[in-house]
Protein backbone atom coordinates (compact mmCIF):
# COMPACT_ATOMS: atom_id res chain seq x y z
CA UNK A 1 30.87 -90.71 -38.23
CA UNK A 2 31.21 -89.61 -34.61
CA UNK A 3 33.13 -86.45 -33.81
CA UNK A 4 35.35 -88.47 -31.47
CA UNK A 5 38.63 -89.23 -33.33
CA UNK A 6 39.38 -92.24 -31.13
CA UNK A 7 35.96 -93.73 -31.83
CA UNK A 8 36.45 -93.17 -35.56
CA UNK A 9 39.82 -94.92 -35.53
CA UNK A 10 38.36 -97.83 -33.62
CA UNK A 11 35.42 -98.06 -36.03
CA UNK A 12 37.68 -98.31 -39.07
CA UNK A 13 39.99 -100.73 -37.30
CA UNK A 14 37.03 -102.95 -36.45
CA UNK A 15 35.76 -102.79 -40.04
CA UNK A 16 39.13 -103.65 -41.61
CA UNK A 17 40.10 -106.50 -39.29
CA UNK A 18 36.55 -107.94 -39.30
CA UNK A 19 36.50 -107.91 -43.11
CA UNK A 20 39.84 -109.76 -43.13
CA UNK A 21 38.50 -112.33 -40.68
CA UNK A 22 35.34 -112.85 -42.75
CA UNK A 23 37.39 -113.23 -45.94
CA UNK A 24 39.41 -116.04 -44.35
CA UNK A 25 36.28 -117.67 -42.92
CA UNK A 26 34.60 -117.58 -46.33
CA UNK A 27 37.73 -118.97 -48.00
CA UNK A 28 37.61 -121.93 -45.60
CA UNK A 29 33.86 -122.30 -46.06
CA UNK A 30 34.26 -122.65 -49.84
CA UNK A 31 37.21 -125.07 -49.61
CA UNK A 32 35.33 -128.03 -51.08
CA UNK A 33 34.64 -126.06 -54.26
CA UNK A 34 38.25 -126.85 -55.29
CA UNK A 35 39.53 -129.78 -53.22
CA UNK A 36 36.21 -131.54 -53.76
CA UNK A 37 37.21 -132.30 -57.36
CA UNK A 38 40.15 -134.64 -56.56
CA UNK A 39 38.17 -136.03 -53.61
CA UNK A 40 35.29 -136.83 -55.97
CA UNK A 41 37.67 -138.67 -58.27
CA UNK A 42 39.32 -140.50 -55.36
CA UNK A 43 35.99 -141.67 -53.91
CA UNK A 44 34.16 -142.19 -57.24
CA UNK A 45 31.24 -139.90 -56.37
CA UNK A 46 28.33 -139.09 -58.66
CA UNK A 47 27.06 -135.53 -59.15
CA UNK A 48 24.48 -135.75 -56.35
CA UNK A 49 27.04 -137.10 -53.85
CA UNK A 50 29.47 -134.38 -54.90
CA UNK A 51 26.76 -131.76 -54.39
CA UNK A 52 26.09 -133.10 -50.89
CA UNK A 53 29.81 -133.09 -50.09
CA UNK A 54 30.22 -129.44 -51.07
CA UNK A 55 27.00 -128.44 -49.33
CA UNK A 56 27.64 -129.91 -45.87
CA UNK A 57 29.80 -127.02 -44.58
CA UNK A 58 27.16 -124.62 -45.87
CA UNK A 59 24.51 -126.38 -43.78
CA UNK A 60 26.12 -125.80 -40.40
CA UNK A 61 27.34 -122.36 -41.40
CA UNK A 62 23.69 -121.53 -42.06
CA UNK A 63 22.07 -123.15 -39.03
CA UNK A 64 24.33 -121.34 -36.56
CA UNK A 65 23.63 -117.91 -38.03
CA UNK A 66 20.54 -117.17 -35.96
CA UNK A 67 22.06 -118.03 -32.56
CA UNK A 68 25.32 -116.32 -33.52
CA UNK A 69 23.46 -113.16 -34.50
CA UNK A 70 21.57 -113.18 -31.20
CA UNK A 71 24.73 -113.88 -29.18
CA UNK A 72 26.40 -110.97 -30.98
CA UNK A 73 23.60 -108.68 -29.83
CA UNK A 74 23.95 -110.05 -26.31
CA UNK A 75 27.71 -110.50 -25.80
CA UNK A 76 29.34 -108.41 -28.52
CA UNK A 77 30.88 -109.25 -31.87
CA UNK A 78 34.50 -109.32 -30.73
CA UNK A 79 34.21 -112.22 -28.32
CA UNK A 80 31.77 -114.20 -30.47
CA UNK A 81 33.89 -113.88 -33.63
CA UNK A 82 37.08 -114.86 -31.81
CA UNK A 83 35.47 -117.95 -30.26
CA UNK A 84 33.97 -118.97 -33.60
CA UNK A 85 37.32 -118.78 -35.41
CA UNK A 86 39.12 -120.65 -32.61
CA UNK A 87 36.62 -123.54 -32.73
CA UNK A 88 37.08 -124.10 -36.47
CA UNK A 89 40.90 -124.41 -36.46
CA UNK A 90 41.10 -128.08 -35.24
CA UNK A 91 38.35 -129.18 -37.64
CA UNK A 92 40.08 -127.57 -40.63
CA UNK A 93 43.35 -129.33 -39.76
CA UNK A 94 41.65 -132.74 -39.32
CA UNK A 95 40.20 -132.51 -42.83
CA UNK A 96 43.60 -133.45 -44.26
CA UNK A 97 43.41 -136.86 -42.53
CA UNK A 98 39.98 -137.85 -43.88
CA UNK A 99 39.87 -140.93 -46.14
CA UNK A 100 36.21 -142.01 -46.31
CA UNK A 101 33.14 -140.20 -47.63
CA UNK A 102 31.56 -140.05 -44.18
CA UNK A 103 34.78 -138.56 -42.77
CA UNK A 104 34.47 -135.61 -45.14
CA UNK A 105 30.77 -135.21 -44.39
CA UNK A 106 31.21 -135.15 -40.61
CA UNK A 107 34.33 -132.97 -40.52
CA UNK A 108 32.76 -130.70 -43.12
CA UNK A 109 29.93 -129.98 -40.68
CA UNK A 110 32.42 -128.60 -38.14
CA UNK A 111 34.45 -126.71 -40.75
CA UNK A 112 31.17 -125.13 -41.85
CA UNK A 113 30.90 -123.21 -38.59
CA UNK A 114 33.21 -120.66 -40.23
CA UNK A 115 30.33 -119.64 -42.47
CA UNK A 116 28.45 -118.30 -39.46
CA UNK A 117 30.91 -115.41 -39.25
CA UNK A 118 28.67 -113.30 -41.46
CA UNK A 119 25.88 -112.91 -38.91
CA UNK A 120 28.47 -112.00 -36.27
CA UNK A 121 30.33 -109.33 -38.21
CA UNK A 122 27.32 -107.67 -39.85
CA UNK A 123 25.76 -106.25 -36.66
CA UNK A 124 29.22 -105.85 -35.09
CA UNK A 125 30.55 -103.46 -37.75
CA UNK A 126 27.20 -101.77 -38.47
CA UNK A 127 26.86 -100.46 -34.91
CA UNK A 128 30.21 -98.68 -35.12
CA UNK A 129 28.86 -96.40 -37.88
CA UNK A 130 25.96 -93.90 -38.11
CA UNK A 131 22.76 -95.02 -39.84
CA UNK A 132 23.50 -93.16 -43.07
CA UNK A 133 26.78 -95.09 -43.45
CA UNK A 134 25.71 -98.52 -42.26
CA UNK A 135 25.04 -99.71 -45.81
CA UNK A 136 28.63 -98.87 -46.69
CA UNK A 137 29.99 -100.57 -43.55
CA UNK A 138 28.00 -103.76 -44.09
CA UNK A 139 28.90 -103.72 -47.78
CA UNK A 140 32.62 -103.45 -47.03
CA UNK A 141 32.38 -106.24 -44.48
CA UNK A 142 30.32 -108.35 -46.86
CA UNK A 143 33.09 -107.98 -49.45
CA UNK A 144 34.70 -110.75 -47.42
CA UNK A 145 32.63 -112.99 -49.69
CA UNK A 146 35.61 -112.58 -52.01
CA UNK A 147 37.19 -115.32 -49.87
CA UNK A 148 35.48 -117.62 -52.38
CA UNK A 149 37.71 -116.14 -55.09
CA UNK A 150 40.80 -116.24 -52.85
CA UNK A 151 40.13 -119.95 -52.39
CA UNK A 152 40.15 -120.38 -56.18
CA UNK A 153 43.51 -118.64 -56.45
CA UNK A 154 45.23 -120.38 -53.52
CA UNK A 155 43.81 -123.90 -53.36
CA UNK A 156 44.56 -125.00 -56.97
CA UNK A 157 48.20 -123.94 -56.67
CA UNK A 158 48.65 -125.88 -53.43
CA UNK A 159 46.67 -128.84 -54.78
CA UNK A 160 48.72 -129.22 -57.95
CA UNK A 161 52.04 -128.74 -56.15
CA UNK A 162 51.50 -130.82 -53.02
CA UNK A 163 48.17 -132.66 -53.25
CA UNK A 164 44.75 -131.77 -51.85
CA UNK A 165 45.60 -132.69 -48.22
CA UNK A 166 47.96 -129.72 -47.82
CA UNK A 167 45.12 -127.24 -48.44
CA UNK A 168 43.28 -127.73 -45.12
CA UNK A 169 46.58 -127.63 -43.22
CA UNK A 170 47.55 -124.30 -44.76
CA UNK A 171 44.04 -122.95 -44.23
CA UNK A 172 44.13 -123.94 -40.54
CA UNK A 173 47.38 -121.99 -40.09
CA UNK A 174 45.90 -118.96 -41.89
CA UNK A 175 42.79 -119.09 -39.70
CA UNK A 176 44.89 -119.20 -36.53
CA UNK A 177 47.02 -116.25 -37.64
CA UNK A 178 43.92 -114.24 -38.57
CA UNK A 179 42.41 -114.96 -35.15
CA UNK A 180 45.45 -113.41 -33.47
CA UNK A 181 45.29 -110.29 -35.68
CA UNK A 182 41.57 -109.93 -35.10
CA UNK A 183 41.91 -110.09 -31.32
CA UNK A 184 44.62 -107.45 -31.15
CA UNK A 185 43.04 -104.94 -33.57
CA UNK A 186 39.32 -105.24 -32.78
CA UNK A 187 37.44 -103.38 -30.05
CA UNK A 188 34.34 -103.65 -27.89
CA UNK A 189 31.70 -101.04 -27.06
CA UNK A 190 29.24 -101.95 -24.27
CA UNK A 191 26.68 -99.50 -25.69
CA UNK A 192 26.28 -101.77 -28.73
CA UNK A 193 24.86 -104.65 -26.70
CA UNK A 194 21.15 -105.40 -26.59
CA UNK A 195 19.80 -104.65 -23.07
CA UNK A 196 19.67 -107.69 -20.82
CA UNK A 197 15.88 -107.49 -20.42
CA UNK A 198 15.44 -108.44 -24.10
CA UNK A 199 14.59 -112.12 -24.20
CA UNK A 200 15.67 -114.73 -26.70
CA UNK A 201 12.03 -115.32 -27.65
CA UNK A 202 11.50 -111.58 -28.18
CA UNK A 203 14.29 -111.51 -30.74
CA UNK A 204 12.87 -114.54 -32.58
CA UNK A 205 9.42 -112.96 -32.93
CA UNK A 206 10.74 -111.40 -36.13
CA UNK A 207 10.12 -114.76 -37.81
CA UNK A 208 6.43 -113.85 -37.88
CA UNK A 209 7.11 -110.66 -39.83
CA UNK A 210 6.20 -111.03 -43.56
CA UNK A 211 8.91 -108.54 -44.50
CA UNK A 212 11.56 -110.74 -42.89
CA UNK A 213 10.32 -113.72 -44.88
CA UNK A 214 10.50 -111.66 -48.07
CA UNK A 215 14.06 -110.59 -47.35
CA UNK A 216 14.90 -114.24 -46.68
CA UNK A 217 13.67 -115.13 -50.15
CA UNK A 218 15.66 -112.36 -51.79
CA UNK A 219 18.80 -113.38 -49.93
CA UNK A 220 18.41 -117.04 -50.80
CA UNK A 221 19.06 -115.95 -54.40
CA UNK A 222 21.74 -113.30 -54.14
CA UNK A 223 23.71 -115.06 -51.40
CA UNK A 224 22.52 -118.67 -51.58
CA UNK A 225 22.92 -118.65 -55.35
CA UNK A 226 26.34 -117.04 -55.04
CA UNK A 227 27.53 -119.70 -52.57
CA UNK A 228 26.11 -122.55 -54.62
CA UNK A 229 27.64 -121.34 -57.89
CA UNK A 230 30.98 -120.63 -56.20
CA UNK A 231 31.06 -124.27 -55.11
CA UNK A 232 29.82 -125.60 -58.45
CA UNK A 233 31.66 -123.55 -61.08
CA UNK A 234 35.12 -125.13 -61.00
CA UNK A 235 33.81 -128.61 -61.71
CA UNK A 236 31.36 -127.08 -64.26
CA UNK A 237 34.25 -125.61 -66.25
CA UNK A 238 36.19 -128.87 -66.01
CA UNK A 239 33.22 -130.95 -67.20
CA UNK A 240 31.64 -128.59 -69.73
CA UNK A 241 34.75 -127.17 -71.37
CA UNK A 242 37.44 -129.76 -70.46
CA UNK A 243 39.71 -127.23 -68.75
CA UNK A 244 42.60 -127.86 -66.37
CA UNK A 245 41.60 -127.31 -62.73
CA UNK A 246 43.88 -124.26 -62.40
CA UNK A 247 42.40 -122.54 -65.47
CA UNK A 248 38.88 -123.58 -64.38
CA UNK A 249 39.42 -122.07 -60.93
CA UNK A 250 40.82 -118.85 -62.43
CA UNK A 251 37.78 -118.43 -64.69
CA UNK A 252 35.41 -119.32 -61.86
CA UNK A 253 37.02 -116.51 -59.86
CA UNK A 254 35.69 -114.09 -62.51
CA UNK A 255 32.32 -114.77 -60.88
CA UNK A 256 33.41 -115.12 -57.25
CA UNK A 257 35.69 -112.09 -57.05
CA UNK A 258 33.29 -109.35 -58.23
CA UNK A 259 30.52 -111.18 -56.41
CA UNK A 260 32.41 -110.51 -53.18
CA UNK A 261 34.49 -107.36 -53.60
CA UNK A 262 31.79 -105.20 -55.22
CA UNK A 263 29.40 -105.78 -52.34
CA UNK A 264 30.86 -102.61 -50.81
CA UNK A 265 29.72 -100.61 -53.86
CA UNK A 266 26.29 -102.19 -53.50
CA UNK A 267 26.17 -100.89 -49.95
CA UNK A 268 27.05 -97.36 -51.07
CA UNK A 269 24.44 -97.46 -53.86
CA UNK A 270 21.85 -98.72 -51.37
CA UNK A 271 22.63 -95.81 -49.04
CA UNK A 272 22.21 -93.37 -51.93
CA UNK A 273 19.29 -94.78 -53.94
CA UNK A 274 17.56 -97.03 -51.40
CA UNK A 275 17.44 -100.77 -50.88
CA UNK A 276 14.33 -101.27 -53.02
CA UNK A 277 15.67 -99.66 -56.20
CA UNK A 278 18.96 -101.55 -56.08
CA UNK A 279 17.31 -104.91 -55.33
CA UNK A 280 14.70 -104.49 -58.09
CA UNK A 281 17.33 -103.93 -60.78
CA UNK A 282 19.53 -106.70 -59.37
CA UNK A 283 16.71 -109.22 -59.81
CA UNK A 284 16.17 -108.20 -63.42
CA UNK A 285 19.87 -108.49 -64.28
CA UNK A 286 19.95 -111.93 -62.65
CA UNK A 287 16.86 -112.92 -64.63
CA UNK A 288 18.46 -111.97 -67.97
CA UNK A 289 21.81 -113.62 -67.21
CA UNK A 290 20.26 -116.86 -65.94
CA UNK A 291 17.94 -117.02 -68.96
CA UNK A 292 20.95 -116.97 -71.30
CA UNK A 293 23.02 -119.32 -69.12
CA UNK A 294 20.19 -121.85 -68.99
CA UNK A 295 20.36 -122.70 -72.70
CA UNK A 296 22.21 -126.01 -73.06
CA UNK A 297 24.76 -126.89 -75.73
CA UNK A 298 22.50 -127.87 -78.64
CA UNK A 299 22.99 -129.39 -82.10
CA UNK A 300 19.99 -129.41 -84.43
CA UNK A 301 19.39 -130.18 -88.06
CA UNK A 302 17.30 -128.08 -90.44
CA UNK A 303 16.06 -129.47 -93.76
CA UNK A 304 16.91 -126.83 -96.38
CA UNK A 305 16.39 -126.81 -100.14
CA UNK A 306 19.99 -128.00 -100.44
CA UNK A 307 19.54 -130.84 -97.97
CA UNK A 308 20.04 -131.22 -94.21
CA UNK A 309 22.07 -128.48 -92.50
CA UNK A 310 23.34 -128.86 -88.93
CA UNK A 311 23.71 -125.95 -86.54
CA UNK A 312 25.21 -125.64 -83.09
CA UNK A 313 23.91 -123.26 -80.43
CA UNK A 314 25.61 -122.83 -77.07
CA UNK A 315 27.73 -120.48 -75.04
CA UNK A 316 31.46 -120.71 -75.59
CA UNK A 317 33.76 -120.35 -72.60
CA UNK A 318 34.27 -116.62 -73.16
CA UNK A 319 30.57 -115.73 -73.38
CA UNK A 320 29.83 -117.99 -70.43
CA UNK A 321 32.50 -116.35 -68.28
CA UNK A 322 31.32 -112.87 -69.24
CA UNK A 323 27.73 -113.64 -68.24
CA UNK A 324 28.91 -115.18 -64.97
CA UNK A 325 30.91 -112.03 -64.21
CA UNK A 326 27.84 -109.84 -64.76
CA UNK A 327 25.79 -112.20 -62.60
CA UNK A 328 28.42 -111.97 -59.86
CA UNK A 329 28.30 -108.16 -59.89
CA UNK A 330 24.50 -108.19 -59.66
CA UNK A 331 24.56 -110.63 -56.75
CA UNK A 332 27.18 -108.51 -54.97
CA UNK A 333 24.92 -105.46 -55.15
CA UNK A 334 21.92 -107.54 -54.11
CA UNK A 335 23.62 -108.96 -51.03
CA UNK A 336 24.32 -105.42 -49.81
CA UNK A 337 20.88 -104.03 -50.65
CA UNK A 338 19.05 -106.79 -48.75
CA UNK A 339 20.96 -105.92 -45.59
CA UNK A 340 20.28 -102.24 -46.14
CA UNK A 341 16.59 -103.18 -45.91
CA UNK A 342 17.37 -104.77 -42.53
CA UNK A 343 19.35 -101.86 -41.10
CA UNK A 344 16.57 -99.47 -42.20
CA UNK A 345 13.65 -101.51 -40.86
CA UNK A 346 15.20 -103.13 -37.76
CA UNK A 347 17.93 -100.83 -36.40
CA UNK A 348 17.62 -102.16 -32.83
CA UNK A 349 17.60 -105.84 -33.76
CA UNK A 350 20.12 -106.12 -36.59
CA UNK A 351 21.85 -109.17 -35.11
CA UNK A 352 18.79 -111.39 -34.82
CA UNK A 353 17.27 -110.30 -38.16
CA UNK A 354 20.57 -110.63 -40.03
CA UNK A 355 20.97 -114.07 -38.49
CA UNK A 356 17.53 -115.14 -39.70
CA UNK A 357 18.01 -113.74 -43.21
CA UNK A 358 21.56 -115.12 -43.31
CA UNK A 359 20.18 -118.53 -42.33
CA UNK A 360 17.80 -118.44 -45.29
CA UNK A 361 20.59 -117.44 -47.65
CA UNK A 362 22.87 -120.14 -46.29
CA UNK A 363 20.19 -122.80 -46.58
CA UNK A 364 19.80 -121.74 -50.20
CA UNK A 365 23.53 -122.32 -50.60
CA UNK A 366 23.10 -125.76 -49.01
CA UNK A 367 20.08 -126.95 -51.00
CA UNK A 368 21.09 -125.61 -54.41
CA UNK A 369 24.33 -127.63 -54.92
CA UNK A 370 22.46 -130.81 -54.04
CA UNK A 371 19.69 -129.87 -56.48
CA UNK A 372 22.31 -129.03 -59.13
CA UNK A 373 23.80 -132.51 -58.78
CA UNK A 374 20.43 -134.23 -58.69
CA UNK A 375 19.23 -132.43 -61.82
CA UNK A 376 22.43 -133.25 -63.67
CA UNK A 377 22.17 -136.92 -62.73
CA UNK A 378 18.51 -136.99 -63.85
CA UNK A 379 18.77 -134.94 -67.05
CA UNK A 380 22.43 -135.12 -68.02
CA UNK A 381 22.26 -131.36 -68.74
CA UNK A 382 24.80 -129.26 -66.86
CA UNK A 383 22.97 -125.98 -67.51
CA UNK A 384 19.96 -127.36 -65.60
CA UNK A 385 21.56 -125.67 -62.58
CA UNK A 386 20.87 -122.29 -64.18
CA UNK A 387 17.38 -123.35 -65.21
CA UNK A 388 16.59 -123.99 -61.54
CA UNK A 389 17.93 -120.61 -60.43
CA UNK A 390 16.07 -118.87 -63.24
CA UNK A 391 12.81 -120.22 -61.82
CA UNK A 392 13.71 -119.06 -58.31
CA UNK A 393 14.41 -115.53 -59.54
CA UNK A 394 10.92 -115.45 -61.06
CA UNK A 395 9.50 -115.99 -57.56
CA UNK A 396 11.40 -112.99 -56.20
CA UNK A 397 10.39 -110.72 -59.07
CA UNK A 398 6.71 -111.58 -58.68
CA UNK A 399 6.82 -111.23 -54.89
CA UNK A 400 8.66 -107.92 -55.10
CA UNK A 401 6.23 -106.57 -57.68
CA UNK A 402 3.17 -107.49 -55.61
CA UNK A 403 4.49 -106.19 -52.27
CA UNK A 404 6.63 -103.21 -53.29
CA UNK A 405 6.56 -102.10 -56.93
CA UNK A 406 2.79 -102.18 -57.40
CA UNK A 407 2.35 -100.05 -54.28
CA UNK A 408 4.70 -97.31 -55.50
CA UNK A 409 2.86 -94.31 -57.02
CA UNK A 410 3.89 -93.20 -60.49
CA UNK A 411 3.25 -89.54 -59.81
CA UNK A 412 3.41 -89.43 -56.03
CA UNK A 413 -0.32 -88.92 -55.52
CA UNK A 414 -1.05 -92.26 -53.91
CA UNK A 415 1.79 -91.91 -51.43
CA UNK A 416 0.60 -88.44 -50.44
CA UNK A 417 -2.90 -89.81 -49.94
CA UNK A 418 -1.57 -92.58 -47.72
CA UNK A 419 0.37 -90.11 -45.61
CA UNK A 420 -2.72 -87.92 -45.27
CA UNK A 421 -4.87 -90.84 -44.19
CA UNK A 422 -2.28 -91.92 -41.62
CA UNK A 423 -2.05 -88.45 -40.15
């Protein structure tokens, strides 16, 4: 931290109020994960239509991430975040008046703008801290992902007591109140802005960088998968285990809450051990959890010497919830470690790069729920959602091995040779 006490106070104030704002934005962004269940019943939607409904806010929240990240570099995070939150308030309120499927789709696109807050706050808070603490700062800010869990605590209570339409009205009021708090307790620093001679096209040249594409793929799992599962899990519990929506939401929060809150710890671990080490182990934990979660509920008969004997194999609700909690922790660490890669490799262009990588992660969160619904309609197997994600994790593990792990020396000799050749 800087030796200036005033700067330090402002830095922590920015981090705290920005994290609060992101938590509320993420809570709004995940709203359909709970209210989508009564809406699905009201409109008679199939699994694919439900997946599209939940994914629409994720689409716009993803597409705006690149321009928002660039505008943050250019104009500053305070003004961009405030404008973003203000724009979403009317759309959130109007959601309570929707009656047709297309109403929810269209309004959901505008509500989804709240999801773009991530690519605003990430460079905004990172630049208030020294390089050796940026992983921690971005991890704390990223803990606002826990808004997905807050949604699962708040929305079911409101829904059961007053009906689904009250949820967007309450969320609109919360967003407006958070906007006021953010404006009064955040700060601006002109030195954090990208110089005016940097062009829009210069910032987008990062799309040609293979490392950026690799980080996009990693993030499409740890963030895109987190978003998709946060939207999908409540209805999964209701359908697979026949639970009440309040109990289903509470159990789903066992995935969403650690998947958001523990991102801060992931940032600290990434500062200490490096982005590569944390990400490598995250991918392996995800691989193991998704392998076990992929196995569907199965009954089979074995012919024994005493006649046919029937067995059942499948995860009960307790084992399922435990595995989801572990998966949430791994994804929390992975979300932080990917952005530690970015702050290490692109310190002068964090906004644009985080916007690009955030776009990839958000698009993963958009495509996956639709694919989940499509696979369930085609196969009738709910765990096919985990089968799909298991395959995607394989891609990351192979890519990471080829581009990073295989190039690491076991005894340090190869690295020394490389350094010698470069010098």
